[in-house]
Amino acid sequence: MSVVPTTLEKSPYRHHFTIKEYYQLAESGIFNDKSRVELIKGEIIDMSPIGTHHSGWTMHLLNRIFLQLMPHEVYVDMQNPIRLQDDTEPEPDLTVLAPRELPYFDAHPTAKDVLLLIEVADSSLEYDRDTKIPIYAENGIPECWLFDVKKNELTIYRQPSSKGYREIYRPRLDESITLSAMPDISIDLKTLFQH
């Protein structure tokens, strides 16, 4: 004779946050100034700490190079949110944004504003590659770069679709790369990997 349990065990449920709820949590003091979180598909994700190689060399160098290369009407933004869906607001490491008549003061940029997006991965490589890059493709971000600072490698993602990027390219470090959204801009990768 078998015993039938009187109650069924239920799996725990996750709360799905919207951007509005996410900001309400921040305004209520749930996060402090040192909190490094982002909203991905309704989940609040702790971001990896920024290591010295990530922040010291790569981010400062990328920022300097892109500020020098980009036309002055294009915005170069570092580690600030982009609003992709009602439940997704990642914070890429560097974003090149299309010109706007009024700067991005009234609202965070959206996918249609992004010309190029860069993620710099030290300890976050799998998360950036397997979670964030597919989300960028789903939302039509035209080009993403993923720097693997441990291996000193760059992967370029282009031609977004709902199933991911159709073109994935790992250039040699002695190549020059033309940006898909700005074909007149060419970047010598040797300058990005100098250290």
N, C-alpha and C. Protein backbone atom coordinates (compact mmCIF):
# COMPACT_ATOMS: atom_id res chain seq x y z
N MET A 1 0.84 -1.17 0.00
CA MET A 1 0.00 0.00 0.00
C MET A 1 0.89 1.24 0.00
N SER A 2 0.62 2.17 -0.92
CA SER A 2 1.44 3.39 -0.98
C SER A 2 0.74 4.52 -0.24
N VAL A 3 1.58 5.41 0.23
CA VAL A 3 1.06 6.58 0.96
C VAL A 3 1.03 7.76 0.01
N VAL A 4 -0.10 8.39 -0.12
CA VAL A 4 -0.25 9.56 -0.99
C VAL A 4 -0.10 10.81 -0.14
N PRO A 5 0.85 11.68 -0.48
CA PRO A 5 1.00 12.90 0.32
C PRO A 5 -0.24 13.77 0.22
N THR A 6 -0.56 14.44 1.32
CA THR A 6 -1.76 15.29 1.34
C THR A 6 -1.53 16.63 0.67
N THR A 7 -0.27 17.08 0.62
CA THR A 7 0.02 18.34 -0.07
C THR A 7 1.13 18.08 -1.08
N LEU A 8 1.05 18.73 -2.20
CA LEU A 8 2.09 18.60 -3.21
C LEU A 8 3.13 19.69 -3.00
N GLU A 9 4.38 19.29 -3.09
CA GLU A 9 5.43 20.30 -2.98
C GLU A 9 5.44 21.14 -4.25
N LYS A 10 5.57 22.42 -4.08
CA LYS A 10 5.60 23.32 -5.22
C LYS A 10 7.01 23.86 -5.40
N SER A 11 7.37 24.09 -6.63
CA SER A 11 8.66 24.72 -6.90
C SER A 11 8.58 26.18 -6.47
N PRO A 12 9.69 26.74 -6.00
CA PRO A 12 9.66 28.16 -5.65
C PRO A 12 9.45 29.02 -6.90
N TYR A 13 8.78 30.12 -6.73
CA TYR A 13 8.52 31.03 -7.84
C TYR A 13 9.49 32.20 -7.75
N ARG A 14 9.87 32.68 -8.90
CA ARG A 14 10.69 33.89 -8.96
C ARG A 14 9.77 35.07 -9.24
N HIS A 15 10.09 36.20 -8.64
CA HIS A 15 9.31 37.40 -8.93
C HIS A 15 9.88 38.04 -10.19
N HIS A 16 9.03 38.35 -11.13
CA HIS A 16 9.44 38.97 -12.38
C HIS A 16 9.27 40.48 -12.24
N PHE A 17 10.39 41.22 -12.27
CA PHE A 17 10.35 42.67 -12.09
C PHE A 17 10.24 43.39 -13.42
N THR A 18 9.49 44.46 -13.43
CA THR A 18 9.48 45.39 -14.56
C THR A 18 10.51 46.47 -14.26
N ILE A 19 10.83 47.25 -15.27
CA ILE A 19 11.76 48.37 -15.05
C ILE A 19 11.18 49.34 -14.01
N LYS A 20 9.88 49.58 -14.08
CA LYS A 20 9.25 50.49 -13.11
C LYS A 20 9.44 49.97 -11.69
N GLU A 21 9.22 48.69 -11.46
CA GLU A 21 9.40 48.11 -10.12
C GLU A 21 10.87 48.15 -9.70
N TYR A 22 11.74 47.90 -10.64
CA TYR A 22 13.19 47.93 -10.41
C TYR A 22 13.62 49.31 -9.90
N TYR A 23 13.12 50.35 -10.54
CA TYR A 23 13.45 51.71 -10.10
C TYR A 23 12.79 52.06 -8.77
N GLN A 24 11.61 51.53 -8.53
CA GLN A 24 10.98 51.74 -7.22
C GLN A 24 11.81 51.12 -6.10
N LEU A 25 12.37 49.95 -6.36
CA LEU A 25 13.26 49.32 -5.37
C LEU A 25 14.49 50.20 -5.12
N ALA A 26 15.05 50.73 -6.18
CA ALA A 26 16.23 51.59 -6.03
C ALA A 26 15.89 52.85 -5.24
N GLU A 27 14.75 53.46 -5.55
CA GLU A 27 14.34 54.68 -4.85
C GLU A 27 14.03 54.43 -3.39
N SER A 28 13.61 53.21 -3.06
CA SER A 28 13.30 52.89 -1.66
C SER A 28 14.55 52.58 -0.84
N GLY A 29 15.71 52.55 -1.50
CA GLY A 29 16.95 52.34 -0.76
C GLY A 29 17.40 50.89 -0.70
N ILE A 30 16.77 50.01 -1.46
CA ILE A 30 17.18 48.61 -1.47
C ILE A 30 18.62 48.48 -1.96
N PHE A 31 18.98 49.27 -2.95
CA PHE A 31 20.35 49.27 -3.47
C PHE A 31 21.07 50.51 -2.95
N ASN A 32 22.36 50.38 -2.68
CA ASN A 32 23.13 51.56 -2.28
C ASN A 32 24.02 52.00 -3.42
N ASP A 33 24.83 53.03 -3.17
CA ASP A 33 25.68 53.59 -4.23
C ASP A 33 26.68 52.58 -4.79
N LYS A 34 27.02 51.58 -4.00
CA LYS A 34 28.00 50.59 -4.44
C LYS A 34 27.37 49.36 -5.08
N SER A 35 26.05 49.30 -5.09
CA SER A 35 25.37 48.16 -5.71
C SER A 35 25.64 48.15 -7.20
N ARG A 36 26.04 47.01 -7.72
CA ARG A 36 26.25 46.86 -9.17
C ARG A 36 25.29 45.79 -9.65
N VAL A 37 24.12 46.22 -10.07
CA VAL A 37 23.08 45.30 -10.53
C VAL A 37 22.52 45.78 -11.85
N GLU A 38 21.90 44.85 -12.57
CA GLU A 38 21.20 45.21 -13.79
C GLU A 38 19.97 44.31 -13.90
N LEU A 39 18.98 44.78 -14.64
CA LEU A 39 17.73 44.03 -14.81
C LEU A 39 17.78 43.31 -16.15
N ILE A 40 17.73 41.97 -16.08
CA ILE A 40 17.80 41.14 -17.28
C ILE A 40 16.61 40.19 -17.31
N LYS A 41 15.72 40.39 -18.27
CA LYS A 41 14.54 39.54 -18.43
C LYS A 41 13.78 39.40 -17.11
N GLY A 42 13.62 40.51 -16.40
CA GLY A 42 12.82 40.53 -15.17
C GLY A 42 13.54 40.10 -13.92
N GLU A 43 14.81 39.73 -14.03
CA GLU A 43 15.58 39.32 -12.85
C GLU A 43 16.66 40.35 -12.55
N ILE A 44 16.85 40.63 -11.28
CA ILE A 44 17.90 41.55 -10.85
C ILE A 44 19.18 40.73 -10.69
N ILE A 45 20.17 41.08 -11.48
CA ILE A 45 21.41 40.31 -11.55
C ILE A 45 22.54 41.12 -10.92
N ASP A 46 23.26 40.49 -9.98
CA ASP A 46 24.48 41.10 -9.45
C ASP A 46 25.55 41.04 -10.52
N MET A 47 26.14 42.17 -10.81
CA MET A 47 27.21 42.22 -11.80
C MET A 47 28.53 41.89 -11.12
N SER A 48 29.44 41.32 -11.90
CA SER A 48 30.76 40.97 -11.38
C SER A 48 31.49 42.23 -10.96
N PRO A 49 32.33 42.13 -9.91
CA PRO A 49 33.16 43.28 -9.56
C PRO A 49 34.08 43.64 -10.73
N ILE A 50 34.38 44.91 -10.85
CA ILE A 50 35.26 45.36 -11.93
C ILE A 50 36.70 45.18 -11.47
N GLY A 51 37.41 44.30 -12.15
CA GLY A 51 38.82 44.07 -11.82
C GLY A 51 39.70 45.18 -12.35
N THR A 52 40.94 45.23 -11.89
CA THR A 52 41.84 46.32 -12.30
C THR A 52 42.19 46.24 -13.78
N HIS A 53 42.33 45.02 -14.31
CA HIS A 53 42.64 44.89 -15.73
C HIS A 53 41.47 45.39 -16.56
N HIS A 54 40.27 45.06 -16.13
CA HIS A 54 39.04 45.49 -16.82
C HIS A 54 38.93 47.00 -16.79
N SER A 55 38.99 47.59 -15.59
CA SER A 55 38.77 49.02 -15.47
C SER A 55 40.00 49.83 -15.83
N GLY A 56 41.16 49.37 -15.35
CA GLY A 56 42.37 50.17 -15.52
C GLY A 56 42.83 50.27 -16.94
N TRP A 57 43.01 49.14 -17.59
CA TRP A 57 43.54 49.18 -18.95
C TRP A 57 42.43 49.27 -19.98
N THR A 58 41.58 48.29 -20.01
CA THR A 58 40.65 48.15 -21.13
C THR A 58 39.64 49.28 -21.22
N MET A 59 38.96 49.60 -20.12
CA MET A 59 37.90 50.61 -20.19
C MET A 59 38.47 52.01 -20.47
N HIS A 60 39.55 52.37 -19.81
CA HIS A 60 40.12 53.70 -20.07
C HIS A 60 40.62 53.82 -21.50
N LEU A 61 41.25 52.75 -21.98
CA LEU A 61 41.76 52.76 -23.35
C LEU A 61 40.62 52.83 -24.36
N LEU A 62 39.60 51.99 -24.18
CA LEU A 62 38.45 52.01 -25.09
C LEU A 62 37.79 53.39 -25.12
N ASN A 63 37.58 53.94 -23.95
CA ASN A 63 36.94 55.25 -23.86
C ASN A 63 37.76 56.30 -24.60
N ARG A 64 39.04 56.32 -24.37
CA ARG A 64 39.91 57.32 -25.02
C ARG A 64 39.89 57.15 -26.54
N ILE A 65 40.04 55.92 -27.01
CA ILE A 65 40.09 55.68 -28.46
C ILE A 65 38.77 56.03 -29.13
N PHE A 66 37.66 55.59 -28.54
CA PHE A 66 36.37 55.87 -29.17
C PHE A 66 36.02 57.35 -29.13
N LEU A 67 36.38 58.04 -28.06
CA LEU A 67 36.12 59.48 -28.02
C LEU A 67 36.91 60.21 -29.11
N GLN A 68 38.12 59.75 -29.38
CA GLN A 68 38.95 60.37 -30.42
C GLN A 68 38.43 60.06 -31.83
N LEU A 69 37.92 58.85 -32.04
CA LEU A 69 37.53 58.43 -33.38
C LEU A 69 36.14 58.87 -33.82
N MET A 70 35.24 58.96 -32.87
CA MET A 70 33.84 59.20 -33.22
C MET A 70 33.60 60.65 -33.60
N PRO A 71 32.71 60.88 -34.56
CA PRO A 71 32.32 62.26 -34.87
C PRO A 71 31.72 62.91 -33.61
N HIS A 72 31.85 64.20 -33.48
CA HIS A 72 31.46 64.84 -32.22
C HIS A 72 29.96 64.75 -31.92
N GLU A 73 29.13 64.53 -32.94
CA GLU A 73 27.68 64.44 -32.69
C GLU A 73 27.26 63.05 -32.16
N VAL A 74 28.15 62.06 -32.24
CA VAL A 74 27.89 60.71 -31.73
C VAL A 74 28.26 60.67 -30.26
N TYR A 75 27.48 59.95 -29.46
CA TYR A 75 27.74 59.85 -28.02
C TYR A 75 28.48 58.55 -27.71
N VAL A 76 29.50 58.65 -26.87
CA VAL A 76 30.19 57.48 -26.35
C VAL A 76 29.87 57.42 -24.87
N ASP A 77 29.22 56.34 -24.46
CA ASP A 77 28.72 56.22 -23.09
C ASP A 77 29.36 55.01 -22.42
N MET A 78 29.75 55.18 -21.16
CA MET A 78 30.40 54.09 -20.44
C MET A 78 29.56 53.62 -19.26
N GLN A 79 29.29 52.31 -19.23
CA GLN A 79 28.67 51.63 -18.11
C GLN A 79 27.38 52.29 -17.63
N ASN A 80 26.54 52.65 -18.59
CA ASN A 80 25.22 53.21 -18.29
C ASN A 80 24.14 52.36 -18.94
N PRO A 81 22.93 52.40 -18.39
CA PRO A 81 21.86 51.52 -18.87
C PRO A 81 21.37 51.84 -20.28
N ILE A 82 20.89 50.79 -20.93
CA ILE A 82 20.10 50.94 -22.15
C ILE A 82 18.80 50.17 -21.91
N ARG A 83 17.70 50.77 -22.28
CA ARG A 83 16.39 50.16 -22.05
C ARG A 83 16.01 49.35 -23.29
N LEU A 84 15.91 48.03 -23.10
CA LEU A 84 15.62 47.16 -24.24
C LEU A 84 14.19 46.68 -24.27
N GLN A 85 13.63 46.32 -23.14
CA GLN A 85 12.25 45.85 -23.03
C GLN A 85 11.71 46.37 -21.72
N ASP A 86 10.46 46.08 -21.43
CA ASP A 86 9.86 46.53 -20.18
C ASP A 86 10.49 45.86 -18.96
N ASP A 87 11.24 44.78 -19.19
CA ASP A 87 11.85 44.05 -18.06
C ASP A 87 13.35 43.85 -18.23
N THR A 88 13.98 44.61 -19.13
CA THR A 88 15.40 44.41 -19.41
C THR A 88 16.11 45.74 -19.60
N GLU A 89 17.08 45.99 -18.74
CA GLU A 89 17.87 47.21 -18.82
C GLU A 89 19.32 46.90 -18.44
N PRO A 90 20.09 46.34 -19.38
CA PRO A 90 21.49 46.02 -19.09
C PRO A 90 22.35 47.27 -19.03
N GLU A 91 23.56 47.10 -18.51
CA GLU A 91 24.53 48.19 -18.43
C GLU A 91 25.81 47.76 -19.13
N PRO A 92 25.85 47.90 -20.45
CA PRO A 92 27.07 47.50 -21.18
C PRO A 92 28.25 48.37 -20.78
N ASP A 93 29.44 47.86 -21.06
CA ASP A 93 30.65 48.60 -20.67
C ASP A 93 30.84 49.86 -21.50
N LEU A 94 30.58 49.79 -22.79
CA LEU A 94 30.71 50.98 -23.63
C LEU A 94 29.64 50.91 -24.72
N THR A 95 29.00 52.03 -24.97
CA THR A 95 27.97 52.10 -25.99
C THR A 95 28.22 53.32 -26.86
N VAL A 96 28.18 53.14 -28.15
CA VAL A 96 28.24 54.25 -29.09
C VAL A 96 26.80 54.51 -29.53
N LEU A 97 26.33 55.73 -29.28
CA LEU A 97 24.93 56.08 -29.49
C LEU A 97 24.77 57.07 -30.64
N ALA A 98 23.69 56.90 -31.37
CA ALA A 98 23.38 57.77 -32.50
C ALA A 98 23.14 59.20 -32.03
N PRO A 99 23.39 60.15 -32.91
CA PRO A 99 23.11 61.55 -32.56
C PRO A 99 21.63 61.76 -32.25
N ARG A 100 21.38 62.71 -31.38
CA ARG A 100 20.01 63.10 -31.03
C ARG A 100 19.97 64.62 -31.00
N GLU A 101 18.82 65.16 -31.33
CA GLU A 101 18.68 66.62 -31.26
C GLU A 101 18.89 67.09 -29.82
N LEU A 102 18.27 66.39 -28.89
CA LEU A 102 18.50 66.65 -27.47
C LEU A 102 19.30 65.49 -26.91
N PRO A 103 20.32 65.74 -26.11
CA PRO A 103 21.10 64.63 -25.54
C PRO A 103 20.22 63.67 -24.74
N TYR A 104 20.80 62.58 -24.34
CA TYR A 104 20.06 61.52 -23.64
C TYR A 104 19.83 61.89 -22.17
N PHE A 105 19.12 63.01 -21.94
CA PHE A 105 18.87 63.46 -20.58
C PHE A 105 17.53 62.97 -20.05
N ASP A 106 16.54 62.89 -20.93
CA ASP A 106 15.18 62.61 -20.47
C ASP A 106 14.88 61.13 -20.30
N ALA A 107 15.63 60.25 -20.97
CA ALA A 107 15.39 58.81 -20.87
C ALA A 107 16.64 58.06 -21.30
N HIS A 108 16.76 56.84 -20.81
CA HIS A 108 17.89 56.01 -21.22
C HIS A 108 17.77 55.67 -22.70
N PRO A 109 18.90 55.46 -23.37
CA PRO A 109 18.85 55.04 -24.76
C PRO A 109 18.12 53.71 -24.92
N THR A 110 17.59 53.48 -26.10
CA THR A 110 16.94 52.21 -26.42
C THR A 110 17.75 51.54 -27.54
N ALA A 111 17.32 50.36 -27.95
CA ALA A 111 18.05 49.60 -28.96
C ALA A 111 18.23 50.40 -30.25
N LYS A 112 17.22 51.18 -30.64
CA LYS A 112 17.32 51.92 -31.90
C LYS A 112 18.37 53.04 -31.84
N ASP A 113 18.80 53.41 -30.64
CA ASP A 113 19.82 54.45 -30.49
C ASP A 113 21.24 53.91 -30.59
N VAL A 114 21.41 52.59 -30.44
CA VAL A 114 22.74 51.99 -30.31
C VAL A 114 23.34 51.70 -31.68
N LEU A 115 24.54 52.24 -31.91
CA LEU A 115 25.30 51.95 -33.12
C LEU A 115 26.28 50.81 -32.89
N LEU A 116 26.88 50.78 -31.72
CA LEU A 116 27.84 49.75 -31.35
C LEU A 116 27.78 49.59 -29.84
N LEU A 117 27.88 48.36 -29.40
CA LEU A 117 27.85 48.07 -27.97
C LEU A 117 29.03 47.16 -27.66
N ILE A 118 29.73 47.44 -26.56
CA ILE A 118 30.92 46.65 -26.20
C ILE A 118 30.78 46.13 -24.77
N GLU A 119 31.04 44.84 -24.61
CA GLU A 119 31.15 44.22 -23.30
C GLU A 119 32.60 43.81 -23.10
N VAL A 120 33.14 44.12 -21.94
CA VAL A 120 34.50 43.73 -21.58
C VAL A 120 34.38 42.67 -20.49
N ALA A 121 34.89 41.47 -20.79
CA ALA A 121 34.69 40.34 -19.89
C ALA A 121 36.01 39.91 -19.25
N ASP A 122 36.00 39.93 -17.94
CA ASP A 122 37.11 39.39 -17.17
C ASP A 122 36.58 38.10 -16.54
N SER A 123 35.78 38.24 -15.48
CA SER A 123 35.15 37.07 -14.86
C SER A 123 33.74 36.82 -15.40
N SER A 124 33.24 37.70 -16.26
CA SER A 124 31.84 37.60 -16.72
C SER A 124 31.69 37.07 -18.14
N LEU A 125 32.70 36.41 -18.68
CA LEU A 125 32.68 36.01 -20.09
C LEU A 125 31.45 35.18 -20.46
N GLU A 126 31.18 34.12 -19.72
CA GLU A 126 30.05 33.24 -20.06
C GLU A 126 28.72 33.98 -19.96
N TYR A 127 28.56 34.78 -18.93
CA TYR A 127 27.32 35.55 -18.76
C TYR A 127 27.14 36.54 -19.92
N ASP A 128 28.20 37.27 -20.24
CA ASP A 128 28.11 38.23 -21.34
C ASP A 128 27.81 37.53 -22.66
N ARG A 129 28.52 36.45 -22.93
CA ARG A 129 28.38 35.74 -24.22
C ARG A 129 27.05 34.99 -24.33
N ASP A 130 26.67 34.30 -23.27
CA ASP A 130 25.53 33.38 -23.35
C ASP A 130 24.20 34.01 -22.94
N THR A 131 24.23 35.09 -22.18
CA THR A 131 22.99 35.73 -21.74
C THR A 131 22.79 37.09 -22.41
N LYS A 132 23.77 37.97 -22.28
CA LYS A 132 23.56 39.34 -22.76
C LYS A 132 23.64 39.48 -24.28
N ILE A 133 24.62 38.86 -24.91
CA ILE A 133 24.76 38.99 -26.36
C ILE A 133 23.49 38.51 -27.09
N PRO A 134 22.90 37.35 -26.73
CA PRO A 134 21.64 36.97 -27.39
C PRO A 134 20.51 37.98 -27.19
N ILE A 135 20.46 38.61 -26.02
CA ILE A 135 19.44 39.64 -25.78
C ILE A 135 19.67 40.84 -26.69
N TYR A 136 20.92 41.21 -26.88
CA TYR A 136 21.23 42.32 -27.78
C TYR A 136 20.79 41.98 -29.22
N ALA A 137 21.02 40.73 -29.63
CA ALA A 137 20.59 40.30 -30.97
C ALA A 137 19.07 40.35 -31.10
N GLU A 138 18.36 39.82 -30.11
CA GLU A 138 16.89 39.82 -30.12
C GLU A 138 16.33 41.23 -30.29
N ASN A 139 17.03 42.21 -29.72
CA ASN A 139 16.55 43.59 -29.74
C ASN A 139 17.10 44.40 -30.90
N GLY A 140 17.84 43.76 -31.79
CA GLY A 140 18.28 44.42 -33.02
C GLY A 140 19.49 45.33 -32.87
N ILE A 141 20.29 45.16 -31.82
CA ILE A 141 21.53 45.94 -31.71
C ILE A 141 22.42 45.53 -32.89
N PRO A 142 22.81 46.46 -33.76
CA PRO A 142 23.45 46.07 -35.03
C PRO A 142 24.83 45.43 -34.88
N GLU A 143 25.56 45.82 -33.84
CA GLU A 143 26.92 45.29 -33.70
C GLU A 143 27.32 45.28 -32.23
N CYS A 144 27.88 44.15 -31.80
CA CYS A 144 28.40 44.02 -30.43
C CYS A 144 29.82 43.49 -30.49
N TRP A 145 30.65 43.99 -29.60
CA TRP A 145 31.99 43.46 -29.44
C TRP A 145 32.11 42.88 -28.05
N LEU A 146 32.76 41.74 -27.96
CA LEU A 146 33.02 41.11 -26.67
C LEU A 146 34.52 40.92 -26.52
N PHE A 147 35.10 41.67 -25.57
CA PHE A 147 36.52 41.55 -25.26
C PHE A 147 36.71 40.52 -24.16
N ASP A 148 37.51 39.52 -24.42
CA ASP A 148 37.93 38.57 -23.39
C ASP A 148 39.31 39.02 -22.94
N VAL A 149 39.36 39.71 -21.79
CA VAL A 149 40.63 40.30 -21.35
C VAL A 149 41.62 39.24 -20.88
N LYS A 150 41.13 38.08 -20.45
CA LYS A 150 42.05 37.02 -20.02
C LYS A 150 42.79 36.41 -21.20
N LYS A 151 42.09 36.22 -22.31
CA LYS A 151 42.71 35.62 -23.50
C LYS A 151 43.20 36.65 -24.50
N ASN A 152 42.91 37.93 -24.22
CA ASN A 152 43.30 39.00 -25.13
C ASN A 152 42.68 38.76 -26.52
N GLU A 153 41.36 38.48 -26.52
CA GLU A 153 40.64 38.19 -27.75
C GLU A 153 39.43 39.09 -27.89
N LEU A 154 39.07 39.34 -29.14
CA LEU A 154 37.88 40.11 -29.45
C LEU A 154 36.98 39.27 -30.34
N THR A 155 35.69 39.23 -30.02
CA THR A 155 34.69 38.60 -30.89
C THR A 155 33.70 39.68 -31.30
N ILE A 156 33.44 39.74 -32.59
CA ILE A 156 32.53 40.74 -33.15
C ILE A 156 31.25 40.03 -33.60
N TYR A 157 30.11 40.58 -33.18
CA TYR A 157 28.80 40.02 -33.51
C TYR A 157 28.06 41.03 -34.37
N ARG A 158 27.56 40.57 -35.53
CA ARG A 158 26.81 41.43 -36.43
C ARG A 158 25.61 40.69 -37.02
N GLN A 159 24.74 41.42 -37.67
CA GLN A 159 23.53 40.89 -38.31
C GLN A 159 22.61 40.23 -37.28
N PRO A 160 21.99 41.05 -36.43
CA PRO A 160 21.14 40.50 -35.38
C PRO A 160 19.87 39.86 -35.91
N SER A 161 19.39 38.87 -35.19
CA SER A 161 18.10 38.24 -35.49
C SER A 161 17.51 37.76 -34.18
N SER A 162 16.28 37.28 -34.23
CA SER A 162 15.63 36.78 -33.02
C SER A 162 16.30 35.51 -32.50
N LYS A 163 17.12 34.88 -33.31
CA LYS A 163 17.81 33.65 -32.91
C LYS A 163 19.28 33.88 -32.61
N GLY A 164 19.71 35.12 -32.57
CA GLY A 164 21.11 35.43 -32.29
C GLY A 164 21.74 36.17 -33.45
N TYR A 165 23.03 36.41 -33.35
CA TYR A 165 23.75 37.10 -34.42
C TYR A 165 24.12 36.09 -35.51
N ARG A 166 23.88 36.49 -36.76
CA ARG A 166 24.17 35.60 -37.89
C ARG A 166 25.64 35.64 -38.28
N GLU A 167 26.31 36.73 -37.95
CA GLU A 167 27.74 36.84 -38.27
C GLU A 167 28.52 36.98 -36.97
N ILE A 168 29.42 36.04 -36.73
CA ILE A 168 30.28 36.08 -35.54
C ILE A 168 31.71 35.94 -36.06
N TYR A 169 32.54 36.89 -35.68
CA TYR A 169 33.88 36.99 -36.27
C TYR A 169 34.89 37.27 -35.17
N ARG A 170 36.00 36.55 -35.21
CA ARG A 170 37.10 36.80 -34.26
C ARG A 170 38.30 37.29 -35.07
N PRO A 171 38.51 38.60 -35.11
CA PRO A 171 39.58 39.15 -35.94
C PRO A 171 40.96 38.90 -35.33
N ARG A 172 41.96 38.96 -36.21
CA ARG A 172 43.34 38.95 -35.73
C ARG A 172 43.63 40.31 -35.10
N LEU A 173 44.56 40.35 -34.19
CA LEU A 173 44.84 41.59 -33.47
C LEU A 173 45.60 42.61 -34.31
N ASP A 174 46.04 42.22 -35.49
CA ASP A 174 46.73 43.19 -36.36
C ASP A 174 45.81 43.72 -37.45
N GLU A 175 44.52 43.42 -37.37
CA GLU A 175 43.56 43.89 -38.37
C GLU A 175 43.02 45.28 -38.03
N SER A 176 42.44 45.90 -39.02
CA SER A 176 41.64 47.10 -38.82
C SER A 176 40.19 46.73 -39.06
N ILE A 177 39.31 47.23 -38.22
CA ILE A 177 37.89 46.88 -38.28
C ILE A 177 37.09 48.11 -38.65
N THR A 178 36.19 47.96 -39.60
CA THR A 178 35.26 49.02 -39.97
C THR A 178 33.95 48.77 -39.24
N LEU A 179 33.38 49.80 -38.65
CA LEU A 179 32.12 49.65 -37.93
C LEU A 179 30.97 49.55 -38.92
N SER A 180 30.06 48.60 -38.68
CA SER A 180 28.97 48.38 -39.64
C SER A 180 28.04 49.59 -39.74
N ALA A 181 27.78 50.28 -38.64
CA ALA A 181 26.87 51.42 -38.66
C ALA A 181 27.55 52.69 -39.14
N MET A 182 28.89 52.69 -39.14
CA MET A 182 29.66 53.87 -39.58
C MET A 182 30.83 53.38 -40.42
N PRO A 183 30.59 53.01 -41.67
CA PRO A 183 31.64 52.39 -42.48
C PRO A 183 32.85 53.27 -42.75
N ASP A 184 32.73 54.58 -42.51
CA ASP A 184 33.88 55.46 -42.70
C ASP A 184 34.81 55.46 -41.48
N ILE A 185 34.40 54.81 -40.39
CA ILE A 185 35.23 54.72 -39.18
C ILE A 185 35.93 53.38 -39.17
N SER A 186 37.26 53.42 -39.08
CA SER A 186 38.06 52.20 -39.03
C SER A 186 38.91 52.24 -37.77
N ILE A 187 39.00 51.10 -37.09
CA ILE A 187 39.76 51.02 -35.84
C ILE A 187 40.87 50.00 -36.00
N ASP A 188 42.08 50.44 -35.75
CA ASP A 188 43.24 49.56 -35.78
C ASP A 188 43.27 48.79 -34.46
N LEU A 189 43.07 47.48 -34.52
CA LEU A 189 42.97 46.70 -33.29
C LEU A 189 44.27 46.70 -32.48
N LYS A 190 45.38 46.97 -33.13
CA LYS A 190 46.63 47.05 -32.35
C LYS A 190 46.54 48.12 -31.27
N THR A 191 45.80 49.19 -31.54
CA THR A 191 45.67 50.25 -30.54
C THR A 191 44.81 49.81 -29.36
N LEU A 192 43.88 48.88 -29.60
CA LEU A 192 43.01 48.41 -28.52
C LEU A 192 43.69 47.38 -27.65
N PHE A 193 44.67 46.69 -28.19
CA PHE A 193 45.29 45.62 -27.44
C PHE A 193 46.70 45.96 -26.98
N GLN A 194 47.04 47.23 -27.00
CA GLN A 194 48.35 47.63 -26.50
C GLN A 194 48.34 47.65 -24.98
N HIS A 195 49.32 47.05 -24.37
CA HIS A 195 49.51 47.13 -22.92
C HIS A 195 50.80 46.48 -22.51
